[in-house]
Amino acid sequence: NFERRSSMKHLLLVGLLVLFGACTTIPTIPEPPKALSEYNPPKWALVGGGAFTDEKGKAFYGVGSATGIRNFSLQRQVADDRARADLAKVFDYYVETLTKDYQAHTTAGSFATSTEEQNSEAALKVVVSQTLRGVMIVDHFEVIERQEFLSLARLDYDAFKQNVVQAEEFKQLPPQVRKDIKDRADKLHEEMEAEAKKLAENRGFFAEDM
């Protein structure tokens, strides 16, 4: 009887030690997700939006990201919308810079008094909303571990120029003014592309084959 009580006490002690040990176990902290660059993403996911030249020609790009949305369809839609919004910001910067550059080049500060230059600005703004309707989502990239979904939006540069040329406001401008705008448009795209490549190289990325 004594041995039986001793055995029960021993088992109880062992059980308490196991329970105590389980209660005091330090929980394992999960490792944080790796940086995006460690998941071998496409280069557009690292470089972001801007002006580039790909195998199809010159274009504007926008990149959008959605994180932590459980509904896959909704996550994809949000990423697509953000990519379009990012491209719109790139395109707005392009049009604004093109307008200001043309203003400085042609009027030397008297832009407000020049009907031709005002009309040229109007022509560019008119085609912005029409052109952005031609934006296409051309690629996706998903990082399951990060619960992140990325989208790439593309706007063809030649399609943009064609919309400008066909705008009635643009057709009403003098021939030399139309030529100046088109020439400056090409040069500005090249400048933006060079800047994007320089930024990518500074970050350790290379955008030549985007």
Protein backbone atom coordinates (compact mmCIF):
# COMPACT_ATOMS: atom_id res chain seq x y z
CA ASN A 1 0.00 0.00 0.00
CA PHE A 2 2.88 2.30 0.84
CA GLU A 3 4.61 1.41 -2.43
CA ARG A 4 1.44 2.11 -4.32
CA ARG A 5 1.12 5.60 -2.78
CA SER A 6 4.78 6.31 -3.53
CA SER A 7 4.30 5.24 -7.12
CA MET A 8 1.28 7.51 -7.51
CA LYS A 9 3.18 10.45 -5.99
CA HIS A 10 6.03 9.80 -8.40
CA LEU A 11 3.68 9.75 -11.38
CA LEU A 12 2.00 12.92 -10.13
CA LEU A 13 5.35 14.65 -9.75
CA VAL A 14 6.39 13.62 -13.25
CA GLY A 15 3.09 14.87 -14.61
CA LEU A 16 3.49 18.23 -12.87
CA LEU A 17 7.02 18.61 -14.22
CA VAL A 18 5.85 17.85 -17.76
CA LEU A 19 2.93 20.26 -17.42
CA PHE A 20 5.13 22.96 -15.93
CA GLY A 21 7.68 22.47 -18.65
CA ALA A 22 5.00 22.75 -21.33
CA CYS A 23 3.64 25.93 -19.81
CA THR A 24 7.03 27.58 -19.64
CA THR A 25 8.15 26.67 -23.16
CA ILE A 26 9.12 29.84 -25.04
CA PRO A 27 7.02 30.08 -28.22
CA THR A 28 8.95 30.07 -31.47
CA ILE A 29 8.82 33.42 -33.27
CA PRO A 30 8.24 32.88 -37.00
CA GLU A 31 10.84 34.32 -39.30
CA PRO A 32 9.71 37.49 -41.08
CA PRO A 33 9.08 37.25 -44.83
CA LYS A 34 12.10 37.86 -46.99
CA ALA A 35 12.58 40.98 -49.06
CA LEU A 36 10.73 41.01 -52.36
CA SER A 37 14.00 40.81 -54.30
CA GLU A 38 14.74 37.41 -52.71
CA TYR A 39 11.70 35.80 -54.35
CA ASN A 40 13.14 36.12 -57.87
CA PRO A 41 10.43 38.53 -59.07
CA PRO A 42 10.23 40.01 -62.57
CA LYS A 43 12.26 43.18 -62.83
CA TRP A 44 9.22 45.39 -63.24
CA ALA A 45 8.18 44.44 -59.70
CA LEU A 46 11.44 45.87 -58.36
CA VAL A 47 11.84 48.91 -60.61
CA GLY A 48 8.26 50.21 -60.45
CA GLY A 49 6.44 52.53 -62.81
CA GLY A 50 7.96 54.83 -65.40
CA ALA A 51 8.81 55.12 -69.08
CA PHE A 52 10.45 52.13 -70.74
CA THR A 53 11.07 50.45 -74.07
CA ASP A 54 10.26 46.76 -74.35
CA GLU A 55 10.03 44.28 -77.21
CA LYS A 56 6.80 45.93 -78.36
CA GLY A 57 8.24 49.45 -78.36
CA LYS A 58 8.01 52.50 -76.13
CA ALA A 59 5.52 52.46 -73.28
CA PHE A 60 4.54 53.81 -69.90
CA TYR A 61 4.33 51.38 -66.98
CA GLY A 62 2.61 51.35 -63.60
CA VAL A 63 3.01 48.83 -60.79
CA GLY A 64 0.40 48.07 -58.13
CA SER A 65 0.50 45.86 -55.05
CA ALA A 66 -2.17 44.39 -52.76
CA THR A 67 -1.30 42.62 -49.51
CA GLY A 68 -3.23 40.56 -46.99
CA ILE A 69 -6.54 40.27 -48.86
CA ARG A 70 -7.90 36.72 -48.46
CA ASN A 71 -10.29 36.93 -51.38
CA PHE A 72 -8.04 36.22 -54.37
CA SER A 73 -10.29 37.88 -56.94
CA LEU A 74 -10.57 41.02 -54.83
CA GLN A 75 -6.82 41.09 -54.18
CA ARG A 76 -6.12 40.85 -57.89
CA GLN A 77 -8.64 43.60 -58.68
CA VAL A 78 -7.11 45.91 -56.07
CA ALA A 79 -3.59 45.30 -57.41
CA ASP A 80 -4.77 45.94 -60.98
CA ASP A 81 -6.49 49.18 -59.97
CA ARG A 82 -3.40 50.37 -58.11
CA ALA A 83 -1.23 49.58 -61.12
CA ARG A 84 -3.50 51.70 -63.32
CA ALA A 85 -3.40 54.50 -60.74
CA ASP A 86 0.39 54.32 -60.61
CA LEU A 87 0.57 54.52 -64.40
CA ALA A 88 -1.81 57.48 -64.36
CA LYS A 89 0.58 59.33 -62.03
CA VAL A 90 3.50 58.58 -64.37
CA PHE A 91 1.47 59.75 -67.35
CA ASP A 92 0.25 62.90 -65.58
CA TYR A 93 3.85 63.79 -64.79
CA TYR A 94 4.77 63.22 -68.43
CA VAL A 95 1.98 65.44 -69.78
CA GLU A 96 2.60 68.17 -67.20
CA THR A 97 6.33 68.21 -67.95
CA LEU A 98 5.72 68.20 -71.69
CA THR A 99 3.36 71.16 -71.36
CA LYS A 100 5.74 73.15 -69.16
CA ASP A 101 8.71 72.42 -71.39
CA TYR A 102 6.79 73.51 -74.46
CA GLN A 103 5.63 76.63 -72.62
CA ALA A 104 9.18 77.61 -71.68
CA HIS A 105 10.49 76.85 -75.16
CA THR A 106 7.91 78.81 -77.14
CA THR A 107 6.73 81.70 -75.01
CA ALA A 108 9.59 82.57 -72.64
CA GLY A 109 7.20 83.03 -69.72
CA SER A 110 4.24 84.59 -71.57
CA PHE A 111 2.30 81.35 -71.83
CA ALA A 112 -0.93 82.83 -70.50
CA THR A 113 -1.11 85.33 -73.34
CA SER A 114 -0.53 82.88 -76.17
CA THR A 115 -3.60 81.30 -77.74
CA GLU A 116 -1.59 78.69 -79.63
CA GLU A 117 0.17 77.43 -76.54
CA GLN A 118 -3.06 77.37 -74.55
CA ASN A 119 -4.62 75.30 -77.29
CA SER A 120 -1.67 72.91 -77.28
CA GLU A 121 -2.09 72.38 -73.55
CA ALA A 122 -5.79 71.76 -74.05
CA ALA A 123 -5.07 69.24 -76.79
CA LEU A 124 -2.77 67.26 -74.52
CA LYS A 125 -5.23 67.27 -71.63
CA VAL A 126 -8.12 66.18 -73.83
CA VAL A 127 -6.36 62.97 -74.88
CA VAL A 128 -5.24 62.03 -71.36
CA SER A 129 -8.56 60.54 -70.27
CA GLN A 130 -9.08 58.90 -73.67
CA THR A 131 -5.59 57.42 -73.71
CA LEU A 132 -5.75 56.01 -70.18
CA ARG A 133 -8.70 53.91 -71.29
CA GLY A 134 -6.20 51.97 -73.39
CA VAL A 135 -4.19 50.88 -70.35
CA MET A 136 -3.77 47.10 -70.20
CA ILE A 137 -2.76 44.82 -67.33
CA VAL A 138 -0.02 42.74 -68.93
CA ASP A 139 1.57 40.77 -66.09
CA HIS A 140 1.13 39.57 -62.50
CA PHE A 141 3.39 38.26 -59.76
CA GLU A 142 2.31 36.63 -56.51
CA VAL A 143 4.34 36.03 -53.34
CA ILE A 144 2.27 33.61 -51.27
CA GLU A 145 4.53 33.81 -48.22
CA ARG A 146 4.11 37.59 -48.09
CA GLN A 147 0.42 37.39 -49.04
CA GLU A 148 1.27 39.91 -51.75
CA PHE A 149 -0.04 40.21 -55.29
CA LEU A 150 1.51 42.60 -57.83
CA SER A 151 0.17 43.82 -61.17
CA LEU A 152 1.82 45.53 -64.14
CA ALA A 153 -0.11 48.07 -66.23
CA ARG A 154 1.12 49.15 -69.67
CA LEU A 155 0.22 52.08 -71.92
CA ASP A 156 1.57 51.97 -75.46
CA TYR A 157 3.44 55.15 -76.34
CA ASP A 158 2.62 55.04 -80.06
CA ALA A 159 -1.09 54.72 -79.24
CA PHE A 160 -0.80 57.78 -77.01
CA LYS A 161 0.86 59.82 -79.78
CA GLN A 162 -1.75 58.69 -82.28
CA ASN A 163 -4.51 59.90 -79.96
CA VAL A 164 -2.79 63.27 -79.66
CA VAL A 165 -2.40 63.63 -83.42
CA GLN A 166 -6.04 62.72 -84.05
CA ALA A 167 -7.43 65.13 -81.44
CA GLU A 168 -9.33 67.99 -83.08
CA GLU A 169 -7.72 70.51 -80.71
CA PHE A 170 -4.30 69.36 -81.86
CA LYS A 171 -5.19 69.49 -85.55
CA GLN A 172 -6.12 73.15 -85.19
CA LEU A 173 -2.59 74.09 -84.14
CA PRO A 174 -0.10 75.46 -86.70
CA PRO A 175 2.12 72.82 -88.38
CA GLN A 176 5.31 73.98 -86.64
CA VAL A 177 3.63 73.87 -83.24
CA ARG A 178 2.44 70.31 -83.88
CA LYS A 179 5.92 69.28 -84.94
CA ASP A 180 7.52 70.85 -81.86
CA ILE A 181 5.15 69.01 -79.52
CA LYS A 182 5.72 65.64 -81.19
CA ASP A 183 9.51 66.09 -81.19
CA ARG A 184 9.52 67.12 -77.54
CA ALA A 185 7.24 64.20 -76.66
CA ASP A 186 9.78 61.70 -78.02
CA LYS A 187 12.68 63.38 -76.26
CA LEU A 188 10.87 63.53 -72.94
CA HIS A 189 10.06 59.82 -73.06
CA GLU A 190 13.75 59.10 -73.68
CA GLU A 191 14.74 61.29 -70.73
CA MET A 192 12.26 59.58 -68.41
CA GLU A 193 13.45 56.16 -69.54
CA ALA A 194 17.08 57.09 -68.92
CA GLU A 195 16.17 58.33 -65.45
CA ALA A 196 14.30 55.10 -64.67
CA LYS A 197 17.26 52.98 -65.77
CA LYS A 198 19.65 55.09 -63.71
CA LEU A 199 17.45 54.65 -60.65
CA ALA A 200 17.26 50.89 -61.23
CA GLU A 201 21.02 50.62 -61.51
CA ASN A 202 21.51 52.61 -58.32
CA ARG A 203 19.25 50.11 -56.54
CA GLY A 204 21.17 47.19 -57.99
CA PHE A 205 18.55 46.33 -60.60
CA PHE A 206 18.86 46.41 -64.36
CA ALA A 207 15.94 47.37 -66.59
CA GLU A 208 17.39 46.72 -70.05
CA ASP A 209 15.32 43.61 -70.74
CA MET A 210 12.02 44.74 -69.26
